[in-house]
Each structure stands twice: as structure tokens, then as C-alpha cells.
């Protein structure tokens, strides 16, 4: 599936995307570039981040890579400064960088170090990015920020409590900041993806070779399949565009119906025994 094209709706805009070395961040950075924005690609992994920037340039866009760990204030401040130094302004930001932490470890057994790492990257990292992005956007009196949460920010489960807490926290942070800065011309929203076929998902949920995990995940989504990175990227681009000019403090669910279901979903052609 290709990228949704809005006829280069972001011409002359400058966009910053964190966690852009892979997954939703990479797809979003490329989508911004396809819509005409100059893109600052941020990630911890330099080789993959440079590859994302090179892909944007190969498609006719303009991009640069900046290595940054969003859990570190010095890195984030330098990242925003580099974006403004390179392009003169910052119009759009997608705060996407995140980690999962250990899987299926319950709260009483969850290691403190892992808790700090997950919250430090997923929640503190979004706050730090917003802190410095907002300072620049307020000087310009205009901007749009989209924070990447998850359906895990709207529900609970067994994945791990730190992940759920961080994704819930992103939504609270998004709503609070959206109210604070809406009158200043800066719109802040969030997206909440369901199961998306990313590198992280492949490593955590789709490990088994017989495909049962993929079937199970698809069955949890009434649309009958797992989402794509490009579909989430399209939602982020829309929230950043003038087409969403009256959308403020919203948590846009992109989940194929995951949160709307009230019971087991039957997927045509799938053996129910595979889901047990």
C-alpha cells in the first residue's frame, strides 16, 4: 500500500520526526517528504536514520538526519536547534520515538530499571520534545504537533504496565498541552494505532513461524487484518495539515476497529482453533 497523497499539502513546511529510523516514524518522515515538507529525521540508530533521510531525498524531497536520544534533554535541545539552524523554522513535529520494555512481565515483578527506561523514553521523551518544539513554534505563533500513543493508551492488558502507563500518559500530556497552547496557534493532537506491521511488532508479536500470532492479531481487528505503517503516517500527516485546522487535543484512533469490538471477531477463512 502506498502513501496517501494530499497534493503536496505541506510545501515549504519544516517537519521533525523522532524515532524515524524504522516503523511508523520512518513512514511518517517519508510521507512528510512526499507532501513537500523539509524533514529532520531523528533517531538513535545513525545508519538507519541516514537511510530514511536518503530515501526522502531519492523521492525528490529534502531531509537531514540528526542523532538524538529523546530521553536526554541535551540531545533534544540540540535536535530542535539543529532543525532551526538548517531550515530557519519548525512547523510540524511527530513525537514517535518509543520502546516496549519486557513483555508479559506483571507489575509486581517489573524491574525498576526497565520501568525507568520505558517511562523515560516514551513519556519523558515526548515531554522533552514538546518542551523545545513548543518554544520554537511559539516564537513563530504557529505549529502542529502529533504525539504517537497507542490503543494501549486507552485500555489495559498484559503487555506490561510501564508501556500502558506511558501511552496513557502521552494522551494526558497531549490534552493538557493542547489546551495550554491552542490560543497561541499551536495545535497538539495524538494518534493511537492498533496492531501495525512494524519491525517492533515482528520482533515481539509475530515471532512464531506458523503465523498463529499474526492470525490472532488480525482477528482482534474487525477489519480482518493488521494495519500498515503508511496508514498511520497518513493520519499523522492529516492532523498536521490545514485540513485539520479545527482539531485540537484529539486522540485519533487508527486501529481497524480494535477498540470498537465487544467480543471475539470471526475472520473469514480462519480456523477459530488457531486463536485459542
C-alpha atoms as a PDB file:
ATOM      1  CA  UNK A   1       0.000   0.000   0.000  1.00  0.00           C
ATOM      2  CA  UNK A   2       1.395   3.395  -0.960  1.00  0.00           C
ATOM      3  CA  UNK A   3       1.364   6.696   0.820  1.00  0.00           C
ATOM      4  CA  UNK A   4      -1.805   8.771   0.780  1.00  0.00           C
ATOM      5  CA  UNK A   5      -1.067  11.871  -1.281  1.00  0.00           C
ATOM      6  CA  UNK A   6      -2.632  15.199  -0.306  1.00  0.00           C
ATOM      7  CA  UNK A   7      -1.219  17.022  -3.363  1.00  0.00           C
ATOM      8  CA  UNK A   8       1.909  18.209  -1.545  1.00  0.00           C
ATOM      9  CA  UNK A   9      -0.092  19.981   1.135  1.00  0.00           C
ATOM     10  CA  UNK A  10       2.974  20.708   3.272  1.00  0.00           C
ATOM     11  CA  UNK A  11       5.101  22.644   0.776  1.00  0.00           C
ATOM     12  CA  UNK A  12       7.639  24.942   2.468  1.00  0.00           C
ATOM     13  CA  UNK A  13       6.933  23.435   5.900  1.00  0.00           C
ATOM     14  CA  UNK A  14       9.671  22.036   8.138  1.00  0.00           C
ATOM     15  CA  UNK A  15       8.854  18.781   9.928  1.00  0.00           C
ATOM     16  CA  UNK A  16      10.661  16.904  12.683  1.00  0.00           C
ATOM     17  CA  UNK A  17      10.087  13.180  13.292  1.00  0.00           C
ATOM     18  CA  UNK A  18      11.592  11.243  16.192  1.00  0.00           C
ATOM     19  CA  UNK A  19      12.107   7.503  16.100  1.00  0.00           C
ATOM     20  CA  UNK A  20      12.334   7.841  12.322  1.00  0.00           C
ATOM     21  CA  UNK A  21      14.843   5.061  11.711  1.00  0.00           C
ATOM     22  CA  UNK A  22      12.083   2.453  11.336  1.00  0.00           C
ATOM     23  CA  UNK A  23       8.383   1.712  11.625  1.00  0.00           C
ATOM     24  CA  UNK A  24       5.760   4.429  11.943  1.00  0.00           C
ATOM     25  CA  UNK A  25       8.425   7.117  12.372  1.00  0.00           C
ATOM     26  CA  UNK A  26      10.157   6.204   9.138  1.00  0.00           C
ATOM     27  CA  UNK A  27       6.863   6.013   7.234  1.00  0.00           C
ATOM     28  CA  UNK A  28       5.815   9.392   8.647  1.00  0.00           C
ATOM     29  CA  UNK A  29       9.100  11.063   7.726  1.00  0.00           C
ATOM     30  CA  UNK A  30       8.776   9.774   4.156  1.00  0.00           C
ATOM     31  CA  UNK A  31       5.132  10.855   3.984  1.00  0.00           C
ATOM     32  CA  UNK A  32       6.058  14.363   5.157  1.00  0.00           C
ATOM     33  CA  UNK A  33       8.706  14.496   2.456  1.00  0.00           C
ATOM     34  CA  UNK A  34       6.244  13.321  -0.191  1.00  0.00           C
ATOM     35  CA  UNK A  35       3.919  16.159   0.825  1.00  0.00           C
ATOM     36  CA  UNK A  36       6.652  18.733   0.242  1.00  0.00           C
ATOM     37  CA  UNK A  37       7.974  19.285   3.771  1.00  0.00           C
ATOM     38  CA  UNK A  38      11.654  19.554   4.609  1.00  0.00           C
ATOM     39  CA  UNK A  39      12.205  16.745   7.077  1.00  0.00           C
ATOM     40  CA  UNK A  40      14.501  16.448  10.076  1.00  0.00           C
ATOM     41  CA  UNK A  41      14.911  12.723  10.720  1.00  0.00           C
ATOM     42  CA  UNK A  42      15.791  11.951  14.349  1.00  0.00           C
ATOM     43  CA  UNK A  43      16.726   8.580  15.865  1.00  0.00           C
ATOM     44  CA  UNK A  44      19.324   6.854  17.990  1.00  0.00           C
ATOM     45  CA  UNK A  45      20.415   4.481  15.218  1.00  0.00           C
ATOM     46  CA  UNK A  46      22.533   6.505  12.832  1.00  0.00           C
ATOM     47  CA  UNK A  47      22.785   4.084   9.920  1.00  0.00           C
ATOM     48  CA  UNK A  48      19.033   3.511   9.717  1.00  0.00           C
ATOM     49  CA  UNK A  49      18.267   7.191  10.285  1.00  0.00           C
ATOM     50  CA  UNK A  50      20.587   8.216   7.480  1.00  0.00           C
ATOM     51  CA  UNK A  51      18.861   5.657   5.259  1.00  0.00           C
ATOM     52  CA  UNK A  52      15.464   7.240   5.980  1.00  0.00           C
ATOM     53  CA  UNK A  53      16.803  10.672   5.074  1.00  0.00           C
ATOM     54  CA  UNK A  54      18.378   9.278   1.890  1.00  0.00           C
ATOM     55  CA  UNK A  55      15.061   7.686   0.909  1.00  0.00           C
ATOM     56  CA  UNK A  56      13.286  11.028   1.260  1.00  0.00           C
ATOM     57  CA  UNK A  57      15.909  12.701  -0.920  1.00  0.00           C
ATOM     58  CA  UNK A  58      15.654   9.923  -3.521  1.00  0.00           C
ATOM     59  CA  UNK A  59      11.928  10.684  -3.829  1.00  0.00           C
ATOM     60  CA  UNK A  60      12.631  14.351  -4.563  1.00  0.00           C
ATOM     61  CA  UNK A  61      12.402  15.672  -1.017  1.00  0.00           C
ATOM     62  CA  UNK A  62      14.786  17.464   1.311  1.00  0.00           C
ATOM     63  CA  UNK A  63      15.938  15.856   4.557  1.00  0.00           C
ATOM     64  CA  UNK A  64      18.727  15.664   7.088  1.00  0.00           C
ATOM     65  CA  UNK A  65      19.452  13.174   9.861  1.00  0.00           C
ATOM     66  CA  UNK A  66      20.241  14.159  13.449  1.00  0.00           C
ATOM     67  CA  UNK A  67      21.154  11.529  16.006  1.00  0.00           C
ATOM     68  CA  UNK A  68      19.235  12.026  19.252  1.00  0.00           C
ATOM     69  CA  UNK A  69      18.134  10.123  22.327  1.00  0.00           C
ATOM     70  CA  UNK A  70      14.811  11.701  23.288  1.00  0.00           C
ATOM     71  CA  UNK A  71      15.217  10.726  26.944  1.00  0.00           C
ATOM     72  CA  UNK A  72      18.165  13.144  27.206  1.00  0.00           C
ATOM     73  CA  UNK A  73      17.473  16.874  27.485  1.00  0.00           C
ATOM     74  CA  UNK A  74      20.778  17.871  25.900  1.00  0.00           C
ATOM     75  CA  UNK A  75      20.070  15.729  22.828  1.00  0.00           C
ATOM     76  CA  UNK A  76      16.548  17.064  22.380  1.00  0.00           C
ATOM     77  CA  UNK A  77      17.532  20.696  22.776  1.00  0.00           C
ATOM     78  CA  UNK A  78      20.337  20.221  20.264  1.00  0.00           C
ATOM     79  CA  UNK A  79      17.975  18.428  17.882  1.00  0.00           C
ATOM     80  CA  UNK A  80      15.499  21.300  17.721  1.00  0.00           C
ATOM     81  CA  UNK A  81      18.338  23.835  17.482  1.00  0.00           C
ATOM     82  CA  UNK A  82      19.804  21.880  14.548  1.00  0.00           C
ATOM     83  CA  UNK A  83      16.453  21.823  12.757  1.00  0.00           C
ATOM     84  CA  UNK A  84      16.047  25.579  13.079  1.00  0.00           C
ATOM     85  CA  UNK A  85      19.687  26.169  12.159  1.00  0.00           C
ATOM     86  CA  UNK A  86      19.278  24.113   8.997  1.00  0.00           C
ATOM     87  CA  UNK A  87      15.856  25.300   7.829  1.00  0.00           C
ATOM     88  CA  UNK A  88      15.100  28.502   9.739  1.00  0.00           C
ATOM     89  CA  UNK A  89      11.921  27.308  11.444  1.00  0.00           C
ATOM     90  CA  UNK A  90       9.957  24.342  12.754  1.00  0.00           C
ATOM     91  CA  UNK A  91       6.343  23.947  11.645  1.00  0.00           C
ATOM     92  CA  UNK A  92       5.453  20.311  12.316  1.00  0.00           C
ATOM     93  CA  UNK A  93       6.570  17.618  14.728  1.00  0.00           C
ATOM     94  CA  UNK A  94       5.749  13.957  15.174  1.00  0.00           C
ATOM     95  CA  UNK A  95       6.973  12.653  18.527  1.00  0.00           C
ATOM     96  CA  UNK A  96       7.082   8.952  17.818  1.00  0.00           C
ATOM     97  CA  UNK A  97      10.195   7.513  19.487  1.00  0.00           C
ATOM     98  CA  UNK A  98       9.361   4.736  21.900  1.00  0.00           C
ATOM     99  CA  UNK A  99      10.366   1.381  23.337  1.00  0.00           C
ATOM    100  CA  UNK A 100       8.306  -1.563  24.544  1.00  0.00           C
ATOM    101  CA  UNK A 101      10.184  -2.883  27.561  1.00  0.00           C
ATOM    102  CA  UNK A 102       9.997  -6.558  28.661  1.00  0.00           C
ATOM    103  CA  UNK A 103       6.929  -8.447  27.509  1.00  0.00           C
ATOM    104  CA  UNK A 104       4.344 -10.129  29.717  1.00  0.00           C
ATOM    105  CA  UNK A 105       6.041  -9.153  32.972  1.00  0.00           C
ATOM    106  CA  UNK A 106       3.403  -8.276  35.558  1.00  0.00           C
ATOM    107  CA  UNK A 107       3.544  -5.148  37.718  1.00  0.00           C
ATOM    108  CA  UNK A 108       4.820  -6.741  40.952  1.00  0.00           C
ATOM    109  CA  UNK A 109       7.706  -8.350  39.078  1.00  0.00           C
ATOM    110  CA  UNK A 110       8.559  -5.471  36.768  1.00  0.00           C
ATOM    111  CA  UNK A 111      12.212  -4.338  37.181  1.00  0.00           C
ATOM    112  CA  UNK A 112      12.636  -0.731  38.287  1.00  0.00           C
ATOM    113  CA  UNK A 113      15.354  -0.133  35.701  1.00  0.00           C
ATOM    114  CA  UNK A 114      13.052  -1.249  32.897  1.00  0.00           C
ATOM    115  CA  UNK A 115      10.241   0.932  34.258  1.00  0.00           C
ATOM    116  CA  UNK A 116      12.531   3.966  34.217  1.00  0.00           C
ATOM    117  CA  UNK A 117      13.703   3.187  30.670  1.00  0.00           C
ATOM    118  CA  UNK A 118      10.171   2.826  29.278  1.00  0.00           C
ATOM    119  CA  UNK A 119       8.782   5.915  31.021  1.00  0.00           C
ATOM    120  CA  UNK A 120      11.962   7.878  30.290  1.00  0.00           C
ATOM    121  CA  UNK A 121      11.769   7.247  26.558  1.00  0.00           C
ATOM    122  CA  UNK A 122       8.037   7.018  25.885  1.00  0.00           C
ATOM    123  CA  UNK A 123       6.671   9.692  28.214  1.00  0.00           C
ATOM    124  CA  UNK A 124       9.536  11.902  29.357  1.00  0.00           C
ATOM    125  CA  UNK A 125      10.867  11.794  25.807  1.00  0.00           C
ATOM    126  CA  UNK A 126       7.612  13.158  24.393  1.00  0.00           C
ATOM    127  CA  UNK A 127       7.534  15.847  27.081  1.00  0.00           C
ATOM    128  CA  UNK A 128      11.127  16.906  26.366  1.00  0.00           C
ATOM    129  CA  UNK A 129      10.460  17.060  22.629  1.00  0.00           C
ATOM    130  CA  UNK A 130       7.343  19.157  23.151  1.00  0.00           C
ATOM    131  CA  UNK A 131       9.179  21.432  25.565  1.00  0.00           C
ATOM    132  CA  UNK A 132      11.696  22.518  22.934  1.00  0.00           C
ATOM    133  CA  UNK A 133       9.431  22.232  19.885  1.00  0.00           C
ATOM    134  CA  UNK A 134       6.887  24.493  21.562  1.00  0.00           C
ATOM    135  CA  UNK A 135       9.437  27.168  22.356  1.00  0.00           C
ATOM    136  CA  UNK A 136      10.249  27.493  18.664  1.00  0.00           C
ATOM    137  CA  UNK A 137       6.637  27.245  17.473  1.00  0.00           C
ATOM    138  CA  UNK A 138       5.517  29.887  19.952  1.00  0.00           C
ATOM    139  CA  UNK A 139       8.083  32.268  18.502  1.00  0.00           C
ATOM    140  CA  UNK A 140       6.530  31.624  15.091  1.00  0.00           C
ATOM    141  CA  UNK A 141       2.957  31.812  16.506  1.00  0.00           C
ATOM    142  CA  UNK A 142       2.073  28.680  14.557  1.00  0.00           C
ATOM    143  CA  UNK A 143       2.737  24.947  14.523  1.00  0.00           C
ATOM    144  CA  UNK A 144       1.313  21.447  14.775  1.00  0.00           C
ATOM    145  CA  UNK A 145       2.469  18.548  16.936  1.00  0.00           C
ATOM    146  CA  UNK A 146       1.310  14.933  16.839  1.00  0.00           C
ATOM    147  CA  UNK A 147       2.317  12.549  19.614  1.00  0.00           C
ATOM    148  CA  UNK A 148       2.224   8.816  18.931  1.00  0.00           C
ATOM    149  CA  UNK A 149       0.396   6.922  21.668  1.00  0.00           C
ATOM    150  CA  UNK A 150      -1.378   3.591  21.119  1.00  0.00           C
ATOM    151  CA  UNK A 151      -4.632   1.768  21.742  1.00  0.00           C
ATOM    152  CA  UNK A 152      -2.673   0.807  24.871  1.00  0.00           C
ATOM    153  CA  UNK A 153      -3.192   4.435  25.910  1.00  0.00           C
ATOM    154  CA  UNK A 154      -6.943   3.824  26.026  1.00  0.00           C
ATOM    155  CA  UNK A 155      -7.146   0.363  27.555  1.00  0.00           C
ATOM    156  CA  UNK A 156      -5.225  -2.105  29.714  1.00  0.00           C
ATOM    157  CA  UNK A 157      -3.779  -5.547  29.173  1.00  0.00           C
ATOM    158  CA  UNK A 158      -0.975  -7.997  29.804  1.00  0.00           C
ATOM    159  CA  UNK A 159       1.789  -6.500  27.641  1.00  0.00           C
ATOM    160  CA  UNK A 160       3.439  -4.654  30.546  1.00  0.00           C
ATOM    161  CA  UNK A 161       2.205  -1.938  32.887  1.00  0.00           C
ATOM    162  CA  UNK A 162       5.013   0.527  32.113  1.00  0.00           C
ATOM    163  CA  UNK A 163       4.083   0.550  28.429  1.00  0.00           C
ATOM    164  CA  UNK A 164       0.397   1.114  29.189  1.00  0.00           C
ATOM    165  CA  UNK A 165       1.232   3.817  31.729  1.00  0.00           C
ATOM    166  CA  UNK A 166       3.496   5.632  29.270  1.00  0.00           C
ATOM    167  CA  UNK A 167       0.940   5.541  26.453  1.00  0.00           C
ATOM    168  CA  UNK A 168      -1.859   6.733  28.780  1.00  0.00           C
ATOM    169  CA  UNK A 169       0.490   9.479  29.969  1.00  0.00           C
ATOM    170  CA  UNK A 170       1.109  10.663  26.408  1.00  0.00           C
ATOM    171  CA  UNK A 171      -2.617  11.262  25.963  1.00  0.00           C
ATOM    172  CA  UNK A 172      -2.870  13.225  29.209  1.00  0.00           C
ATOM    173  CA  UNK A 173       0.165  15.283  28.258  1.00  0.00           C
ATOM    174  CA  UNK A 174      -1.255  15.885  24.779  1.00  0.00           C
ATOM    175  CA  UNK A 175      -4.604  17.125  26.101  1.00  0.00           C
ATOM    176  CA  UNK A 176      -3.051  19.368  28.751  1.00  0.00           C
ATOM    177  CA  UNK A 177      -0.631  20.996  26.328  1.00  0.00           C
ATOM    178  CA  UNK A 178      -3.308  21.299  23.631  1.00  0.00           C
ATOM    179  CA  UNK A 179      -5.432  23.397  25.991  1.00  0.00           C
ATOM    180  CA  UNK A 180      -2.448  25.479  27.060  1.00  0.00           C
ATOM    181  CA  UNK A 181      -1.302  26.443  23.579  1.00  0.00           C
ATOM    182  CA  UNK A 182      -4.328  26.339  21.264  1.00  0.00           C
ATOM    183  CA  UNK A 183      -4.827  30.098  21.565  1.00  0.00           C
ATOM    184  CA  UNK A 184      -1.200  30.612  20.511  1.00  0.00           C
ATOM    185  CA  UNK A 185      -1.689  28.965  17.132  1.00  0.00           C
ATOM    186  CA  UNK A 186      -0.114  25.617  18.000  1.00  0.00           C
ATOM    187  CA  UNK A 187      -2.326  22.547  17.557  1.00  0.00           C
ATOM    188  CA  UNK A 188      -1.407  19.417  19.518  1.00  0.00           C
ATOM    189  CA  UNK A 189      -3.012  16.017  18.913  1.00  0.00           C
ATOM    190  CA  UNK A 190      -2.215  12.314  19.232  1.00  0.00           C
ATOM    191  CA  UNK A 191      -2.674   9.117  17.266  1.00  0.00           C
ATOM    192  CA  UNK A 192      -3.488   5.751  18.827  1.00  0.00           C
ATOM    193  CA  UNK A 193      -2.527   2.922  16.459  1.00  0.00           C
ATOM    194  CA  UNK A 194      -3.763  -0.626  16.847  1.00  0.00           C
ATOM    195  CA  UNK A 195      -1.521  -3.509  15.821  1.00  0.00           C
ATOM    196  CA  UNK A 196       0.685  -2.262  12.999  1.00  0.00           C
ATOM    197  CA  UNK A 197       3.120  -4.356  10.995  1.00  0.00           C
ATOM    198  CA  UNK A 198       6.387  -2.786  12.117  1.00  0.00           C
ATOM    199  CA  UNK A 199       9.836  -4.150  12.879  1.00  0.00           C
ATOM    200  CA  UNK A 200       9.000  -3.953  16.589  1.00  0.00           C
ATOM    201  CA  UNK A 201       5.805  -5.952  16.086  1.00  0.00           C
ATOM    202  CA  UNK A 202       7.693  -8.559  14.092  1.00  0.00           C
ATOM    203  CA  UNK A 203      10.130  -8.965  16.990  1.00  0.00           C
ATOM    204  CA  UNK A 204       7.549  -9.060  19.781  1.00  0.00           C
ATOM    205  CA  UNK A 205       4.258 -10.468  18.460  1.00  0.00           C
ATOM    206  CA  UNK A 206       4.978 -12.306  15.225  1.00  0.00           C
ATOM    207  CA  UNK A 207       7.909 -14.489  16.233  1.00  0.00           C
ATOM    208  CA  UNK A 208       6.332 -17.881  15.693  1.00  0.00           C
ATOM    209  CA  UNK A 209       6.900 -19.282  12.241  1.00  0.00           C
ATOM    210  CA  UNK A 210       3.450 -20.862  11.848  1.00  0.00           C
ATOM    211  CA  UNK A 211       1.757 -17.449  11.717  1.00  0.00           C
ATOM    212  CA  UNK A 212      -0.642 -18.091  14.621  1.00  0.00           C
ATOM    213  CA  UNK A 213       0.281 -14.803  16.327  1.00  0.00           C
ATOM    214  CA  UNK A 214      -0.415 -12.872  13.130  1.00  0.00           C
ATOM    215  CA  UNK A 215      -3.760 -14.626  12.723  1.00  0.00           C
ATOM    216  CA  UNK A 216      -4.652 -13.870  16.332  1.00  0.00           C
ATOM    217  CA  UNK A 217      -3.751 -10.189  15.957  1.00  0.00           C
ATOM    218  CA  UNK A 218      -5.731  -9.894  12.729  1.00  0.00           C
ATOM    219  CA  UNK A 219      -8.735 -11.496  14.432  1.00  0.00           C
ATOM    220  CA  UNK A 220      -8.671  -8.822  17.138  1.00  0.00           C
ATOM    221  CA  UNK A 221      -9.264  -6.163  14.477  1.00  0.00           C
ATOM    222  CA  UNK A 222     -12.758  -6.232  12.908  1.00  0.00           C
ATOM    223  CA  UNK A 223     -11.317  -5.084   9.587  1.00  0.00           C
ATOM    224  CA  UNK A 224      -9.687  -8.533   9.478  1.00  0.00           C
ATOM    225  CA  UNK A 225      -6.065  -7.555   9.071  1.00  0.00           C
ATOM    226  CA  UNK A 226      -3.136  -5.813  10.715  1.00  0.00           C
ATOM    227  CA  UNK A 227      -2.532  -2.144   9.908  1.00  0.00           C
ATOM    228  CA  UNK A 228       0.329  -0.673   7.910  1.00  0.00           C
ATOM    229  CA  UNK A 229       2.849   1.978   8.853  1.00  0.00           C
ATOM    230  CA  UNK A 230       1.689   4.077   5.908  1.00  0.00           C
ATOM    231  CA  UNK A 231      -1.889   4.165   7.180  1.00  0.00           C
ATOM    232  CA  UNK A 232      -0.764   5.649  10.496  1.00  0.00           C
ATOM    233  CA  UNK A 233       1.562   8.058   8.681  1.00  0.00           C
ATOM    234  CA  UNK A 234      -1.367   9.292   6.580  1.00  0.00           C
ATOM    235  CA  UNK A 235      -3.335  10.062   9.742  1.00  0.00           C
ATOM    236  CA  UNK A 236      -0.387  11.977  11.196  1.00  0.00           C
ATOM    237  CA  UNK A 237       0.089  13.993   8.014  1.00  0.00           C
ATOM    238  CA  UNK A 238      -3.612  14.862   8.017  1.00  0.00           C
ATOM    239  CA  UNK A 239      -3.510  16.034  11.645  1.00  0.00           C
ATOM    240  CA  UNK A 240      -0.559  18.275  10.768  1.00  0.00           C
ATOM    241  CA  UNK A 241      -2.231  19.711   7.676  1.00  0.00           C
ATOM    242  CA  UNK A 242      -4.566  22.697   7.389  1.00  0.00           C
ATOM    243  CA  UNK A 243      -7.350  20.207   6.658  1.00  0.00           C
ATOM    244  CA  UNK A 244      -7.333  19.517  10.416  1.00  0.00           C
ATOM    245  CA  UNK A 245      -7.229  23.182  11.429  1.00  0.00           C
ATOM    246  CA  UNK A 246     -10.066  22.816  13.984  1.00  0.00           C
ATOM    247  CA  UNK A 247      -8.770  19.570  15.510  1.00  0.00           C
ATOM    248  CA  UNK A 248      -7.165  20.210  18.906  1.00  0.00           C
ATOM    249  CA  UNK A 249      -6.394  17.842  21.781  1.00  0.00           C
ATOM    250  CA  UNK A 250      -7.790  14.851  19.896  1.00  0.00           C
ATOM    251  CA  UNK A 251      -6.694  11.227  20.226  1.00  0.00           C
ATOM    252  CA  UNK A 252      -7.202   9.793  16.740  1.00  0.00           C
ATOM    253  CA  UNK A 253      -7.645   6.016  16.867  1.00  0.00           C
ATOM    254  CA  UNK A 254      -6.189   4.171  13.855  1.00  0.00           C
ATOM    255  CA  UNK A 255      -6.983   0.608  14.805  1.00  0.00           C
ATOM    256  CA  UNK A 256      -9.153  -1.215  12.260  1.00  0.00           C
ATOM    257  CA  UNK A 257     -11.984  -1.313  14.792  1.00  0.00           C
ATOM    258  CA  UNK A 258      -9.948  -2.883  17.631  1.00  0.00           C
ATOM    259  CA  UNK A 259     -11.449  -0.704  20.375  1.00  0.00           C
ATOM    260  CA  UNK A 260     -14.972  -0.904  18.959  1.00  0.00           C
ATOM    261  CA  UNK A 261     -15.385  -4.646  19.218  1.00  0.00           C
ATOM    262  CA  UNK A 262     -17.477  -6.083  22.061  1.00  0.00           C
ATOM    263  CA  UNK A 263     -16.399  -9.707  21.716  1.00  0.00           C
ATOM    264  CA  UNK A 264     -14.381 -12.152  19.625  1.00  0.00           C
ATOM    265  CA  UNK A 265     -14.153 -11.272  15.960  1.00  0.00           C
ATOM    266  CA  UNK A 266     -14.629 -14.001  13.369  1.00  0.00           C
ATOM    267  CA  UNK A 267     -12.298 -13.682  10.400  1.00  0.00           C
ATOM    268  CA  UNK A 268     -13.442 -15.438   7.249  1.00  0.00           C
ATOM    269  CA  UNK A 269     -11.228 -18.382   6.373  1.00  0.00           C
ATOM    270  CA  UNK A 270      -9.546 -18.504   9.794  1.00  0.00           C
ATOM    271  CA  UNK A 271      -9.804 -21.631  11.938  1.00  0.00           C
ATOM    272  CA  UNK A 272     -11.110 -20.498  15.379  1.00  0.00           C
ATOM    273  CA  UNK A 273      -8.891 -23.161  16.962  1.00  0.00           C
ATOM    274  CA  UNK A 274      -5.881 -21.141  15.820  1.00  0.00           C
ATOM    275  CA  UNK A 275      -6.980 -18.289  18.055  1.00  0.00           C
ATOM    276  CA  UNK A 276      -7.131 -20.232  21.314  1.00  0.00           C
END
